């Protein structure tokens, strides 16, 4: 075998091994992410003038209904500085895993009590931003 042939063969073996190892680790990573507690950071921006109504709805109803559907209330935050302080609610909840989060949200949305509360609150449409995240290895909260 020539030197060139050997180099090509070796490169092929390294590539194929890396490809399969990458797929194995990716599958493991996805499976791990689906099976471990996940945190969801959500930012809500209601229509102008509806922020206090949104706080009331969370205070009086939403947090309890979240809990009923397996969502753990972690923290609710109100920005200190304008313009967000007058228009934004930020909160962190957690779910047993990503699959459970999907199920929790589906059950929450279908809950007749929630549907009644949402309709009666008069808040209307809310701009929602959601990010699922894991604690870092150095996070005090794990």
Protein backbone atom coordinates (compact mmCIF):
# COMPACT_ATOMS: atom_id res chain seq x y z
CA UNK A 1 0.00 0.00 0.00
CA UNK A 2 1.32 3.42 -0.87
CA UNK A 3 1.78 6.18 1.58
CA UNK A 4 -1.08 8.11 -0.07
CA UNK A 5 -3.39 5.08 0.09
CA UNK A 6 -2.58 4.58 3.75
CA UNK A 7 -3.32 8.24 4.55
CA UNK A 8 -6.64 8.10 2.70
CA UNK A 9 -7.58 4.85 4.46
CA UNK A 10 -6.67 6.27 7.85
CA UNK A 11 -8.60 9.49 7.16
CA UNK A 12 -11.63 7.44 6.12
CA UNK A 13 -11.49 5.37 9.31
CA UNK A 14 -11.17 8.51 11.46
CA UNK A 15 -14.07 10.17 9.62
CA UNK A 16 -16.38 7.15 9.87
CA UNK A 17 -15.50 6.59 13.53
CA UNK A 18 -16.11 10.27 14.28
CA UNK A 19 -19.38 10.22 12.40
CA UNK A 20 -20.72 7.22 14.33
CA UNK A 21 -19.40 8.50 17.66
CA UNK A 22 -21.04 11.87 16.97
CA UNK A 23 -24.36 10.20 16.28
CA UNK A 24 -24.10 8.09 19.44
CA UNK A 25 -23.24 11.11 21.62
CA UNK A 26 -25.92 13.24 19.97
CA UNK A 27 -28.54 10.55 20.59
CA UNK A 28 -27.34 10.21 24.19
CA UNK A 29 -27.47 13.98 24.62
CA UNK A 30 -31.01 14.20 23.23
CA UNK A 31 -32.16 11.28 25.39
CA UNK A 32 -30.53 12.86 28.45
CA UNK A 33 -32.16 16.21 27.72
CA UNK A 34 -35.55 14.54 27.42
CA UNK A 35 -35.16 12.69 30.72
CA UNK A 36 -33.78 15.37 33.05
CA UNK A 37 -35.53 18.28 34.77
CA UNK A 38 -35.68 21.24 32.45
CA UNK A 39 -36.16 24.92 33.18
CA UNK A 40 -38.26 27.18 31.02
CA UNK A 41 -37.64 30.91 31.03
CA UNK A 42 -40.65 32.81 29.72
CA UNK A 43 -41.07 36.51 28.97
CA UNK A 44 -44.58 37.89 28.56
CA UNK A 45 -45.45 41.23 27.00
CA UNK A 46 -49.19 41.97 27.21
CA UNK A 47 -50.99 44.79 25.44
CA UNK A 48 -50.36 48.28 26.79
CA UNK A 49 -52.06 48.83 30.14
CA UNK A 50 -52.62 45.11 30.83
CA UNK A 51 -49.49 44.27 32.85
CA UNK A 52 -51.12 44.70 36.27
CA UNK A 53 -54.03 42.52 35.14
CA UNK A 54 -51.50 39.89 34.08
CA UNK A 55 -49.78 40.02 37.49
CA UNK A 56 -53.18 39.61 39.16
CA UNK A 57 -54.04 36.63 36.97
CA UNK A 58 -50.74 34.92 37.85
CA UNK A 59 -51.08 35.80 41.54
CA UNK A 60 -54.69 34.65 41.84
CA UNK A 61 -54.91 31.75 39.39
CA UNK A 62 -52.12 30.87 36.96
CA UNK A 63 -49.48 29.74 39.45
CA UNK A 64 -51.92 27.36 41.12
CA UNK A 65 -53.09 25.96 37.78
CA UNK A 66 -49.47 25.52 36.66
CA UNK A 67 -48.83 23.46 39.79
CA UNK A 68 -51.95 21.38 39.11
CA UNK A 69 -50.40 20.44 35.75
CA UNK A 70 -46.94 19.51 37.02
CA UNK A 71 -45.21 22.82 36.41
CA UNK A 72 -42.97 23.96 39.25
CA UNK A 73 -43.08 27.70 39.92
CA UNK A 74 -39.49 28.83 40.48
CA UNK A 75 -39.42 32.63 40.29
CA UNK A 76 -41.42 35.54 38.89
CA UNK A 77 -39.63 38.77 38.04
CA UNK A 78 -40.62 42.34 37.24
CA UNK A 79 -37.98 44.38 35.39
CA UNK A 80 -36.84 47.51 37.26
CA UNK A 81 -36.02 49.77 34.33
CA UNK A 82 -38.14 51.40 31.64
CA UNK A 83 -39.42 50.55 29.15
CA UNK A 84 -39.69 46.89 30.26
CA UNK A 85 -40.85 47.68 33.81
CA UNK A 86 -44.22 48.83 32.46
CA UNK A 87 -44.71 46.07 29.92
CA UNK A 88 -42.99 42.81 30.87
CA UNK A 89 -43.30 39.80 33.15
CA UNK A 90 -40.41 37.32 33.29
CA UNK A 91 -40.68 33.98 35.01
CA UNK A 92 -38.97 30.65 35.40
CA UNK A 93 -40.79 27.35 35.79
CA UNK A 94 -39.52 23.80 35.59
CA UNK A 95 -40.81 20.52 34.25
CA UNK A 96 -39.71 16.93 34.88
CA UNK A 97 -38.27 16.83 31.32
CA UNK A 98 -38.91 18.21 27.82
CA UNK A 99 -41.49 15.57 26.93
CA UNK A 100 -43.35 16.30 30.15
CA UNK A 101 -43.19 20.05 29.43
CA UNK A 102 -45.01 19.49 26.15
CA UNK A 103 -47.64 17.39 27.95
CA UNK A 104 -47.94 19.93 30.80
CA UNK A 105 -48.58 22.80 28.39
CA UNK A 106 -51.15 20.79 26.42
CA UNK A 107 -53.05 19.86 29.59
CA UNK A 108 -52.82 23.40 30.92
CA UNK A 109 -54.18 24.89 27.69
CA UNK A 110 -57.08 22.41 27.66
CA UNK A 111 -57.98 22.94 31.32
CA UNK A 112 -61.54 24.37 31.53
CA UNK A 113 -60.64 26.36 34.65
CA UNK A 114 -57.69 27.98 32.83
CA UNK A 115 -59.81 28.74 29.78
CA UNK A 116 -62.41 30.45 31.98
CA UNK A 117 -59.76 32.45 33.88
CA UNK A 118 -58.06 33.52 30.64
CA UNK A 119 -61.33 34.65 29.09
CA UNK A 120 -62.54 36.49 32.19
CA UNK A 121 -59.24 38.31 32.80
CA UNK A 122 -59.68 40.40 29.65
CA UNK A 123 -55.92 40.52 29.04
CA UNK A 124 -56.14 39.35 25.44
CA UNK A 125 -53.15 38.28 23.37
CA UNK A 126 -49.70 38.23 24.96
CA UNK A 127 -46.36 38.17 23.18
CA UNK A 128 -44.56 35.13 24.60
CA UNK A 129 -40.87 34.29 24.38
CA UNK A 130 -39.83 30.91 25.76
CA UNK A 131 -36.40 29.34 26.25
CA UNK A 132 -35.72 25.86 27.64
CA UNK A 133 -32.43 25.62 29.52
CA UNK A 134 -30.32 23.46 31.80
CA UNK A 135 -28.30 24.67 34.77
CA UNK A 136 -24.59 24.93 34.03
CA UNK A 137 -22.17 22.68 35.88
CA UNK A 138 -21.26 25.65 38.13
CA UNK A 139 -24.80 26.84 38.81
CA UNK A 140 -25.82 26.95 42.50
CA UNK A 141 -29.22 25.64 41.37
CA UNK A 142 -28.94 22.19 39.82
